[in-house]
Amino acid sequence: MDTSKMEIIDPNGDVILTLVHEPDIKSNPNTTPNATQAPKQARFQVSSKHLMLPSPYFMKRLGPNWSEGRELALNGVAEIKIEGFDSEALLIILNAMHSRNDQVPSDVTFELLVKIAQLTEYFQCNKAIGVFGATWFNQFRRLRGDSNELPGYLLVSHVFGSEADLKRGISCAWKESNGPFDTKNLPLPSFVKDTIDANRESFNENLASHIGRQVIQSLGTPPGSRYTCESLRLGFWAKGKRLNEGAPAKDDASSPKSLSEQIWQWNEKAKHTCPEKWCRNCSNFMKLLGPDLTAQIQDARQSYR
């Protein structure tokens, strides 16, 4: 067994786990693949028993129905190749699976935690990593207000967090999304993306329906002593209708959070625009949306809590 340039997790290990990295040519667009650009590899000597005990993935891979399992049974050693993962994250997971707790860091960055969660989900080894994962996740349990981190937060909360953590992440994601949720190719359960998209669409459709009804009602109001108020009211709802229907997809203008914030600001401004002193009609246009939708708008404005 060739042990050159290998991380020894178990010196008596009977499995060589090889992580293959394809050559990175993106940094130099003038470079083309050739025979000298062999894929980079990270190799680990590990124990099949330590791999199989906490991981259904390795239980199958080293079982009789896979070539690696038959090789192990026949020769006493086997090699498993995987690709597309981070070598630092893999080393941490292998140390944890082999009970080398002194080699497992007590703190990791959020980016590294996401990579560990990817491997944990792939190997299905949450039992071996769970205690460490929960400790790491505690550092990032509170959302930091960066929407770019939401896919990673959702994955980490799914793998290492509680149901409440995942629900909080989903709630924040649908309020921040201005279109179909981008998972960033992370292995999120399908129900997570489906729930985010459904909640966003439901909110926007409900808001559009209520605003549309208010426009129609305002147009049907005959001129009277409150003509200035009714004009202000019509303008308020017409602007809201245009915002809801015509928001550009390239930014976050159509996200429930952004829609809610702008409508809220217009409502506050309208209070001080009407020339009628002590005008109750213009004091709070949002109350015409009803208490339920008004509460949802207030909630959507505060997606990170």
Protein backbone atom coordinates (compact mmCIF):
# COMPACT_ATOMS: atom_id res chain seq x y z
CA MET A 1 0.00 0.00 0.00
CA ASP A 2 1.56 3.27 -1.16
CA THR A 3 1.49 5.71 1.73
CA SER A 4 3.44 8.55 0.10
CA LYS A 5 1.86 12.01 0.49
CA MET A 6 -0.92 10.52 2.54
CA GLU A 7 -2.69 11.66 5.69
CA ILE A 8 -2.53 8.78 8.15
CA ILE A 9 -5.77 8.67 10.10
CA ASP A 10 -5.31 5.02 11.09
CA PRO A 11 -1.82 3.50 10.55
CA ASN A 12 -3.46 0.07 10.40
CA GLY A 13 -6.20 1.26 8.10
CA ASP A 14 -7.31 -0.98 5.27
CA VAL A 15 -8.88 1.70 3.07
CA ILE A 16 -7.30 4.48 1.06
CA LEU A 17 -9.79 7.29 0.58
CA THR A 18 -8.75 9.47 -2.36
CA LEU A 19 -10.26 12.91 -2.90
CA VAL A 20 -9.81 13.99 -6.50
CA HIS A 21 -9.72 17.66 -7.48
CA GLU A 22 -9.95 18.59 -11.16
CA PRO A 23 -7.30 21.04 -12.44
CA ASP A 24 -8.32 24.65 -11.85
CA ILE A 25 -7.88 26.54 -15.14
CA LYS A 26 -10.43 29.30 -14.44
CA SER A 27 -7.80 31.61 -12.97
CA ASN A 28 -5.93 31.60 -16.31
CA PRO A 29 -8.31 31.55 -19.29
CA ASN A 30 -5.38 31.15 -21.70
CA THR A 31 -4.54 27.78 -20.18
CA THR A 32 -5.99 24.70 -21.84
CA PRO A 33 -6.14 21.22 -20.31
CA ASN A 34 -3.32 18.91 -21.27
CA ALA A 35 -1.74 15.66 -20.22
CA THR A 36 0.55 17.37 -17.70
CA GLN A 37 -2.40 18.82 -15.76
CA ALA A 38 -3.26 15.76 -13.74
CA PRO A 39 -6.06 16.08 -11.19
CA LYS A 40 -4.85 16.97 -7.71
CA GLN A 41 -5.41 14.34 -5.07
CA ALA A 42 -5.63 14.20 -1.30
CA ARG A 43 -5.24 10.70 0.15
CA PHE A 44 -6.19 9.35 3.56
CA GLN A 45 -5.43 5.99 5.17
CA VAL A 46 -8.51 5.03 7.16
CA SER A 47 -10.23 2.08 8.79
CA SER A 48 -13.15 0.42 7.03
CA LYS A 49 -14.81 -0.39 10.37
CA HIS A 50 -14.68 3.24 11.50
CA LEU A 51 -16.12 4.32 8.17
CA MET A 52 -18.91 1.77 8.02
CA LEU A 53 -20.17 1.96 11.60
CA PRO A 54 -21.62 5.52 11.48
CA SER A 55 -22.14 5.84 7.72
CA PRO A 56 -24.70 4.02 5.55
CA TYR A 57 -22.83 5.42 2.54
CA PHE A 58 -19.62 3.58 3.42
CA MET A 59 -21.59 0.55 4.57
CA LYS A 60 -22.88 0.19 1.01
CA ARG A 61 -19.67 1.25 -0.72
CA LEU A 62 -17.62 -1.34 1.18
CA GLY A 63 -20.32 -4.00 0.99
CA PRO A 64 -20.46 -6.98 -1.39
CA ASN A 65 -22.45 -5.15 -4.07
CA TRP A 66 -19.75 -2.59 -4.83
CA SER A 67 -16.34 -3.15 -6.42
CA GLU A 68 -14.54 -1.55 -3.46
CA GLY A 69 -16.24 -3.94 -1.06
CA ARG A 70 -15.31 -6.98 -3.16
CA GLU A 71 -11.73 -5.67 -3.43
CA LEU A 72 -11.56 -5.29 0.35
CA ALA A 73 -12.89 -8.81 0.91
CA LEU A 74 -10.47 -10.30 -1.62
CA ASN A 75 -7.26 -8.37 -0.91
CA GLY A 76 -7.77 -6.98 2.58
CA VAL A 77 -7.30 -3.42 1.27
CA ALA A 78 -9.33 -1.15 -1.01
CA GLU A 79 -9.32 2.32 -2.48
CA ILE A 80 -12.35 4.60 -2.62
CA LYS A 81 -12.34 7.69 -4.80
CA ILE A 82 -14.61 10.68 -4.29
CA GLU A 83 -14.54 14.11 -5.89
CA GLY A 84 -15.99 17.58 -5.58
CA PHE A 85 -15.39 18.14 -1.86
CA ASP A 86 -13.03 20.14 0.34
CA SER A 87 -9.96 18.33 1.71
CA GLU A 88 -9.87 20.27 4.99
CA ALA A 89 -13.52 19.45 5.68
CA LEU A 90 -12.92 15.81 4.79
CA LEU A 91 -9.95 15.56 7.17
CA ILE A 92 -12.07 16.93 10.02
CA ILE A 93 -14.86 14.45 9.34
CA LEU A 94 -12.48 11.48 9.11
CA ASN A 95 -10.82 12.43 12.39
CA ALA A 96 -14.24 12.62 14.06
CA MET A 97 -15.30 9.26 12.60
CA HIS A 98 -12.13 7.68 13.97
CA SER A 99 -12.64 9.22 17.43
CA ARG A 100 -9.54 11.38 17.09
CA ASN A 101 -11.28 14.12 19.01
CA ASP A 102 -8.08 15.99 19.81
CA GLN A 103 -7.65 16.54 16.06
CA VAL A 104 -11.12 18.01 15.62
CA PRO A 105 -11.16 21.83 15.89
CA SER A 106 -13.41 23.49 18.42
CA ASP A 107 -14.07 26.44 16.09
CA VAL A 108 -14.53 26.61 12.33
CA THR A 109 -15.44 29.38 9.91
CA PHE A 110 -18.96 29.51 8.49
CA GLU A 111 -17.64 28.65 5.03
CA LEU A 112 -15.85 25.56 6.36
CA LEU A 113 -18.92 24.53 8.34
CA VAL A 114 -20.98 24.55 5.14
CA LYS A 115 -18.40 22.28 3.49
CA ILE A 116 -18.47 19.94 6.50
CA ALA A 117 -22.26 19.85 6.31
CA GLN A 118 -22.07 18.90 2.62
CA LEU A 119 -19.85 15.92 3.40
CA THR A 120 -21.88 14.94 6.45
CA GLU A 121 -25.01 14.83 4.30
CA TYR A 122 -23.20 12.93 1.53
CA PHE A 123 -21.74 10.30 3.88
CA GLN A 124 -24.92 10.25 6.03
CA CYS A 125 -22.67 10.30 9.09
CA ASN A 126 -24.51 12.77 11.27
CA LYS A 127 -24.25 10.44 14.28
CA ALA A 128 -20.48 10.73 14.21
CA ILE A 129 -20.36 14.48 13.55
CA GLY A 130 -23.54 15.62 15.31
CA VAL A 131 -22.03 16.70 18.64
CA PHE A 132 -19.25 18.64 16.94
CA GLY A 133 -21.68 20.05 14.37
CA ALA A 134 -24.08 21.32 17.02
CA THR A 135 -21.19 23.04 18.82
CA TRP A 136 -19.94 24.68 15.63
CA PHE A 137 -23.44 25.73 14.61
CA ASN A 138 -24.02 27.51 17.92
CA GLN A 139 -21.57 30.16 16.76
CA PHE A 140 -23.74 30.93 13.73
CA ARG A 141 -27.24 30.11 14.96
CA ARG A 142 -28.21 33.77 14.83
CA LEU A 143 -28.59 34.90 11.22
CA ARG A 144 -26.01 37.53 10.33
CA GLY A 145 -28.09 39.52 7.80
CA ASP A 146 -26.24 38.42 4.65
CA SER A 147 -28.69 36.94 2.13
CA ASN A 148 -25.79 35.29 0.26
CA GLU A 149 -25.26 33.06 3.30
CA LEU A 150 -28.86 31.81 3.39
CA PRO A 151 -28.33 28.64 1.30
CA GLY A 152 -25.41 27.67 3.52
CA TYR A 153 -27.33 28.51 6.68
CA LEU A 154 -30.26 26.38 5.53
CA LEU A 155 -27.97 23.40 4.85
CA VAL A 156 -26.12 23.73 8.16
CA SER A 157 -29.35 24.15 10.14
CA HIS A 158 -30.81 21.10 8.37
CA VAL A 159 -27.76 18.96 9.14
CA PHE A 160 -26.71 20.24 12.57
CA GLY A 161 -29.49 22.50 13.86
CA SER A 162 -33.01 22.05 15.16
CA GLU A 163 -36.33 22.20 13.35
CA ALA A 164 -36.79 25.71 14.74
CA ASP A 165 -33.44 26.79 13.22
CA LEU A 166 -34.46 25.48 9.81
CA LYS A 167 -37.88 27.15 10.01
CA ARG A 168 -36.21 30.45 10.90
CA GLY A 169 -33.91 30.16 7.90
CA ILE A 170 -36.81 29.30 5.57
CA SER A 171 -38.81 32.25 6.89
CA CYS A 172 -35.93 34.62 6.26
CA ALA A 173 -35.25 33.18 2.78
CA TRP A 174 -38.74 33.64 1.33
CA LYS A 175 -38.89 37.22 2.61
CA GLU A 176 -35.52 38.03 1.01
CA SER A 177 -36.07 36.22 -2.32
CA ASN A 178 -37.06 38.12 -5.46
CA GLY A 179 -37.52 34.98 -7.55
CA PRO A 180 -37.02 31.20 -7.43
CA PHE A 181 -34.66 30.47 -4.56
CA ASP A 182 -31.07 29.76 -5.61
CA THR A 183 -29.66 26.86 -3.59
CA LYS A 184 -26.10 27.54 -4.85
CA ASN A 185 -25.99 23.82 -5.78
CA LEU A 186 -26.00 22.83 -2.12
CA PRO A 187 -27.73 19.51 -1.29
CA LEU A 188 -30.81 21.03 0.36
CA PRO A 189 -33.94 18.86 0.73
CA SER A 190 -36.42 19.66 -2.01
CA PHE A 191 -39.08 20.71 0.48
CA VAL A 192 -36.88 23.61 1.64
CA LYS A 193 -36.77 25.29 -1.77
CA ASP A 194 -40.42 24.40 -2.47
CA THR A 195 -41.54 26.00 0.80
CA ILE A 196 -39.50 29.16 0.21
CA ASP A 197 -40.84 29.64 -3.31
CA ALA A 198 -44.44 28.87 -2.33
CA ASN A 199 -44.40 31.31 0.61
CA ARG A 200 -42.89 34.11 -1.47
CA GLU A 201 -45.40 33.64 -4.29
CA SER A 202 -48.32 33.43 -1.89
CA PHE A 203 -47.34 36.65 -0.12
CA ASN A 204 -46.83 38.63 -3.33
CA GLU A 205 -50.07 37.35 -4.87
CA ASN A 206 -52.03 38.14 -1.72
CA LEU A 207 -50.55 41.63 -1.55
CA ALA A 208 -51.27 42.27 -5.25
CA SER A 209 -54.87 41.11 -4.84
CA HIS A 210 -55.53 43.41 -1.88
CA ILE A 211 -53.87 46.40 -3.55
CA GLY A 212 -55.83 45.80 -6.75
CA ARG A 213 -59.11 45.87 -4.83
CA GLN A 214 -58.13 49.13 -3.17
CA VAL A 215 -57.38 50.73 -6.57
CA ILE A 216 -60.80 49.70 -7.88
CA GLN A 217 -62.53 51.03 -4.78
CA SER A 218 -60.67 54.33 -4.99
CA LEU A 219 -61.60 54.78 -8.66
CA GLY A 220 -65.25 54.18 -7.81
CA THR A 221 -65.39 56.87 -5.12
CA PRO A 222 -67.26 59.98 -6.38
CA PRO A 223 -65.61 63.40 -5.90
CA GLY A 224 -66.62 65.12 -2.69
CA SER A 225 -65.33 67.10 0.20
CA ARG A 226 -62.60 64.49 0.65
CA TYR A 227 -61.44 64.61 -2.97
CA THR A 228 -57.87 65.43 -1.97
CA CYS A 229 -57.82 62.48 0.41
CA GLU A 230 -59.26 60.12 -2.19
CA SER A 231 -56.71 61.26 -4.78
CA LEU A 232 -53.91 60.67 -2.32
CA ARG A 233 -55.35 57.26 -1.52
CA LEU A 234 -55.64 56.32 -5.20
CA GLY A 235 -52.07 57.40 -5.85
CA PHE A 236 -50.85 55.38 -2.89
CA TRP A 237 -52.47 52.16 -4.06
CA ALA A 238 -51.68 52.70 -7.74
CA LYS A 239 -48.02 53.13 -6.88
CA GLY A 240 -48.14 49.99 -4.78
CA LYS A 241 -49.76 48.07 -7.63
CA ARG A 242 -47.08 49.21 -10.08
CA LEU A 243 -44.32 48.28 -7.63
CA ASN A 244 -45.77 44.81 -7.11
CA GLU A 245 -46.17 44.09 -10.83
CA GLY A 246 -43.15 45.77 -12.37
CA ALA A 247 -40.23 45.18 -10.05
CA PRO A 248 -37.04 44.35 -11.99
CA ALA A 249 -35.76 40.81 -11.49
CA LYS A 250 -32.11 41.86 -11.36
CA ASP A 251 -32.34 43.21 -7.81
CA ASP A 252 -34.32 42.61 -4.64
CA ALA A 253 -37.09 45.11 -5.43
CA SER A 254 -39.72 42.37 -5.73
CA SER A 255 -38.80 40.50 -2.58
CA PRO A 256 -41.54 40.47 0.09
CA LYS A 257 -39.19 42.34 2.41
CA SER A 258 -38.52 45.13 -0.09
CA LEU A 259 -42.17 45.43 -1.12
CA SER A 260 -43.25 45.60 2.51
CA GLU A 261 -40.63 48.18 3.42
CA GLN A 262 -41.56 50.51 0.56
CA ILE A 263 -45.29 50.24 1.22
CA TRP A 264 -44.64 50.92 4.89
CA GLN A 265 -42.58 54.02 4.09
CA TRP A 266 -45.25 55.34 1.71
CA ASN A 267 -47.86 54.82 4.39
CA GLU A 268 -45.81 56.84 6.87
CA LYS A 269 -45.27 59.60 4.31
CA ALA A 270 -48.97 59.77 3.46
CA LYS A 271 -49.77 60.62 7.06
CA HIS A 272 -47.93 63.92 6.64
CA THR A 273 -49.01 64.68 3.05
CA CYS A 274 -52.77 65.19 3.38
CA PRO A 275 -53.64 68.90 3.80
CA GLU A 276 -56.70 68.06 5.87
CA LYS A 277 -55.87 68.51 9.56
CA TRP A 278 -56.55 65.46 11.72
CA CYS A 279 -57.61 63.48 8.64
CA ARG A 280 -58.44 59.94 9.68
CA ASN A 281 -58.74 58.68 6.11
CA CYS A 282 -55.05 59.31 5.41
CA SER A 283 -53.69 58.42 8.83
CA ASN A 284 -53.12 54.77 7.96
CA PHE A 285 -53.89 53.45 4.51
CA MET A 286 -52.44 50.06 5.44
CA LYS A 287 -55.30 49.37 7.83
CA LEU A 288 -57.46 48.91 4.72
CA LEU A 289 -55.43 45.79 3.91
CA GLY A 290 -56.80 44.11 7.01
CA PRO A 291 -55.05 43.09 10.22
CA ASP A 292 -53.67 39.78 8.91
CA LEU A 293 -51.89 41.18 5.86
CA THR A 294 -50.73 44.23 7.79
CA ALA A 295 -49.15 41.91 10.36
CA GLN A 296 -47.48 39.94 7.57
CA ILE A 297 -46.07 43.15 6.08
CA GLN A 298 -44.69 44.16 9.48
CA ASP A 299 -43.13 40.73 9.86
CA ALA A 300 -41.64 40.68 6.34
CA ARG A 301 -39.88 43.98 7.00
CA GLN A 302 -37.86 42.28 9.74
CA SER A 303 -36.64 39.10 8.06
CA TYR A 304 -33.50 38.83 10.24
CA ARG A 305 -34.37 38.44 13.92
